[in-house]
Amino acid sequence: MDMRKRLKEKGYTEVAIDAVIRRLLELHLLDDNQYAQMVIRSCAVRLLGARATRMELQRKNVDPAAISQNVASAQNSGVFTEAAWELGRKTASRTRNLEPLVRRRRFFAAAARKGHDLNVINEVYAALFESNNE
């Protein structure tokens, strides 16, 4: 647990650390599931996919079980698919006057950077870029 490590580095005793962690848990201020859900909402607003969201949660030292559970839940509810579609709509709008290959490259690059699944990227591309021939 990251909090335990930080408090230990600050020089607090194990007894004090245990008391603080117990109290934070009682107040629901130190809950990996709630924190993971908050981070996932933040990542969705930034139009990140499941892979990038998982990396963000790992970087923030969230419990691996909480990461798997919450990312899977968000994926099942379509959070990352909707983020990919929104990214596609924004990219289509911004690149409307560019050549088709440039538009394709920009969308795929943005979607890959944001950690979206290739199957979803292909679906969004086909629907927004190929069918409209914008």
Protein backbone atom coordinates (compact mmCIF):
# COMPACT_ATOMS: atom_id res chain seq x y z
CA MET A 1 0.00 0.00 0.00
CA ASP A 2 1.42 3.34 -1.07
CA MET A 3 0.12 5.24 1.99
CA ARG A 4 1.90 2.87 4.39
CA LYS A 5 5.18 3.31 2.51
CA ARG A 6 4.90 7.09 2.47
CA LEU A 7 4.14 7.32 6.17
CA LYS A 8 7.02 4.99 6.97
CA GLU A 9 9.40 7.15 4.90
CA LYS A 10 8.24 10.18 6.91
CA GLY A 11 9.37 8.43 10.09
CA TYR A 12 6.05 7.41 11.65
CA THR A 13 5.90 4.29 13.82
CA GLU A 14 4.07 1.14 12.71
CA VAL A 15 1.46 1.66 15.44
CA ALA A 16 0.74 5.20 14.25
CA ILE A 17 0.65 4.09 10.62
CA ASP A 18 -1.80 1.27 11.42
CA ALA A 19 -4.05 3.68 13.33
CA VAL A 20 -4.07 6.24 10.50
CA ILE A 21 -4.78 3.63 7.84
CA ARG A 22 -7.54 2.04 9.91
CA ARG A 23 -9.20 5.45 10.40
CA LEU A 24 -8.91 6.37 6.72
CA LEU A 25 -10.49 3.05 5.78
CA GLU A 26 -13.35 3.64 8.26
CA LEU A 27 -14.00 7.02 6.63
CA HIS A 28 -13.79 5.45 3.14
CA LEU A 29 -10.96 7.81 2.25
CA LEU A 30 -8.54 5.01 1.44
CA ASP A 31 -10.51 2.70 -0.82
CA ASP A 32 -8.77 1.39 -3.95
CA ASN A 33 -12.08 0.62 -5.69
CA GLN A 34 -13.46 4.12 -5.20
CA TYR A 35 -10.14 5.65 -6.20
CA ALA A 36 -9.95 3.43 -9.30
CA GLN A 37 -13.47 4.48 -10.33
CA MET A 38 -12.53 8.15 -9.92
CA VAL A 39 -9.40 7.69 -12.04
CA ILE A 40 -11.38 5.80 -14.70
CA ARG A 41 -13.89 8.66 -14.92
CA SER A 42 -11.01 11.10 -15.31
CA CYS A 43 -9.42 8.94 -18.01
CA ALA A 44 -12.74 8.67 -19.87
CA VAL A 45 -13.04 12.47 -19.94
CA ARG A 46 -9.55 12.55 -21.47
CA LEU A 47 -10.79 9.96 -24.04
CA LEU A 48 -8.32 7.29 -22.92
CA GLY A 49 -8.84 3.62 -23.71
CA ALA A 50 -8.63 0.61 -21.41
CA ARG A 51 -4.89 0.04 -21.91
CA ALA A 52 -3.91 3.63 -21.08
CA THR A 53 -6.34 3.70 -18.15
CA ARG A 54 -4.86 0.49 -16.76
CA MET A 55 -1.37 2.00 -17.04
CA GLU A 56 -2.54 5.16 -15.27
CA LEU A 57 -3.97 3.11 -12.40
CA GLN A 58 -0.75 1.08 -12.14
CA ARG A 59 1.28 4.28 -12.10
CA LYS A 60 -0.86 5.47 -9.19
CA ASN A 61 -0.13 2.22 -7.29
CA VAL A 62 -3.73 1.01 -7.19
CA ASP A 63 -4.17 -2.61 -6.10
CA PRO A 64 -3.94 -4.91 -9.16
CA ALA A 65 -7.19 -6.70 -8.25
CA ALA A 66 -9.02 -3.36 -8.03
CA ILE A 67 -7.55 -2.34 -11.39
CA SER A 68 -8.71 -5.50 -13.13
CA GLN A 69 -12.17 -5.40 -11.60
CA ASN A 70 -12.85 -1.72 -12.27
CA VAL A 71 -11.35 -1.60 -15.77
CA ALA A 72 -13.38 -4.69 -16.74
CA SER A 73 -16.53 -3.12 -15.31
CA ALA A 74 -15.92 0.12 -17.23
CA GLN A 75 -15.20 -1.84 -20.39
CA ASN A 76 -18.40 -3.87 -20.03
CA SER A 77 -20.43 -0.70 -19.57
CA GLY A 78 -18.96 0.81 -22.77
CA VAL A 79 -16.93 3.61 -21.21
CA PHE A 80 -13.87 3.03 -23.39
CA THR A 81 -15.87 2.36 -26.55
CA GLU A 82 -17.69 5.67 -26.12
CA ALA A 83 -14.35 7.42 -25.53
CA ALA A 84 -13.04 5.95 -28.81
CA TRP A 85 -16.13 7.14 -30.67
CA GLU A 86 -15.81 10.63 -29.22
CA LEU A 87 -12.13 10.70 -30.18
CA GLY A 88 -13.12 9.60 -33.68
CA ARG A 89 -15.76 12.32 -33.98
CA LYS A 90 -13.30 14.99 -32.83
CA THR A 91 -10.57 13.76 -35.16
CA ALA A 92 -12.99 13.54 -38.10
CA SER A 93 -14.11 17.09 -37.47
CA ARG A 94 -10.57 18.49 -37.10
CA THR A 95 -9.23 16.70 -40.18
CA ARG A 96 -12.24 17.21 -42.45
CA ASN A 97 -10.28 19.06 -45.16
CA LEU A 98 -7.24 16.77 -45.22
CA GLU A 99 -6.42 13.88 -47.54
CA PRO A 100 -7.95 10.51 -46.58
CA LEU A 101 -4.58 8.90 -45.80
CA VAL A 102 -3.58 11.80 -43.55
CA ARG A 103 -6.92 11.58 -41.73
CA ARG A 104 -6.49 7.84 -41.28
CA ARG A 105 -2.95 8.21 -39.97
CA ARG A 106 -3.93 10.95 -37.52
CA PHE A 107 -6.90 9.05 -36.15
CA PHE A 108 -5.04 5.76 -35.75
CA ALA A 109 -2.06 7.51 -34.13
CA ALA A 110 -4.27 9.40 -31.66
CA ALA A 111 -6.31 6.31 -30.81
CA ALA A 112 -3.20 4.19 -30.29
CA ARG A 113 -1.57 6.85 -28.09
CA LYS A 114 -4.71 6.94 -25.98
CA GLY A 115 -4.66 3.18 -25.53
CA HIS A 116 -7.73 2.09 -27.47
CA ASP A 117 -8.37 -1.46 -28.64
CA LEU A 118 -7.55 -2.02 -32.32
CA ASN A 119 -10.93 -3.65 -33.04
CA VAL A 120 -12.76 -0.60 -31.70
CA ILE A 121 -10.42 1.74 -33.60
CA ASN A 122 -11.18 -0.11 -36.85
CA GLU A 123 -14.93 -0.01 -36.18
CA VAL A 124 -14.89 3.73 -35.47
CA TYR A 125 -12.70 4.43 -38.50
CA ALA A 126 -14.95 2.46 -40.83
CA ALA A 127 -18.07 4.21 -39.58
CA LEU A 128 -16.79 7.78 -39.39
CA PHE A 129 -14.12 8.04 -42.05
CA GLU A 130 -14.82 5.45 -44.75
CA SER A 131 -18.60 5.50 -45.01
CA ASN A 132 -18.89 9.29 -45.21
CA ASN A 133 -15.96 9.76 -47.58
CA GLU A 134 -15.39 13.11 -45.95
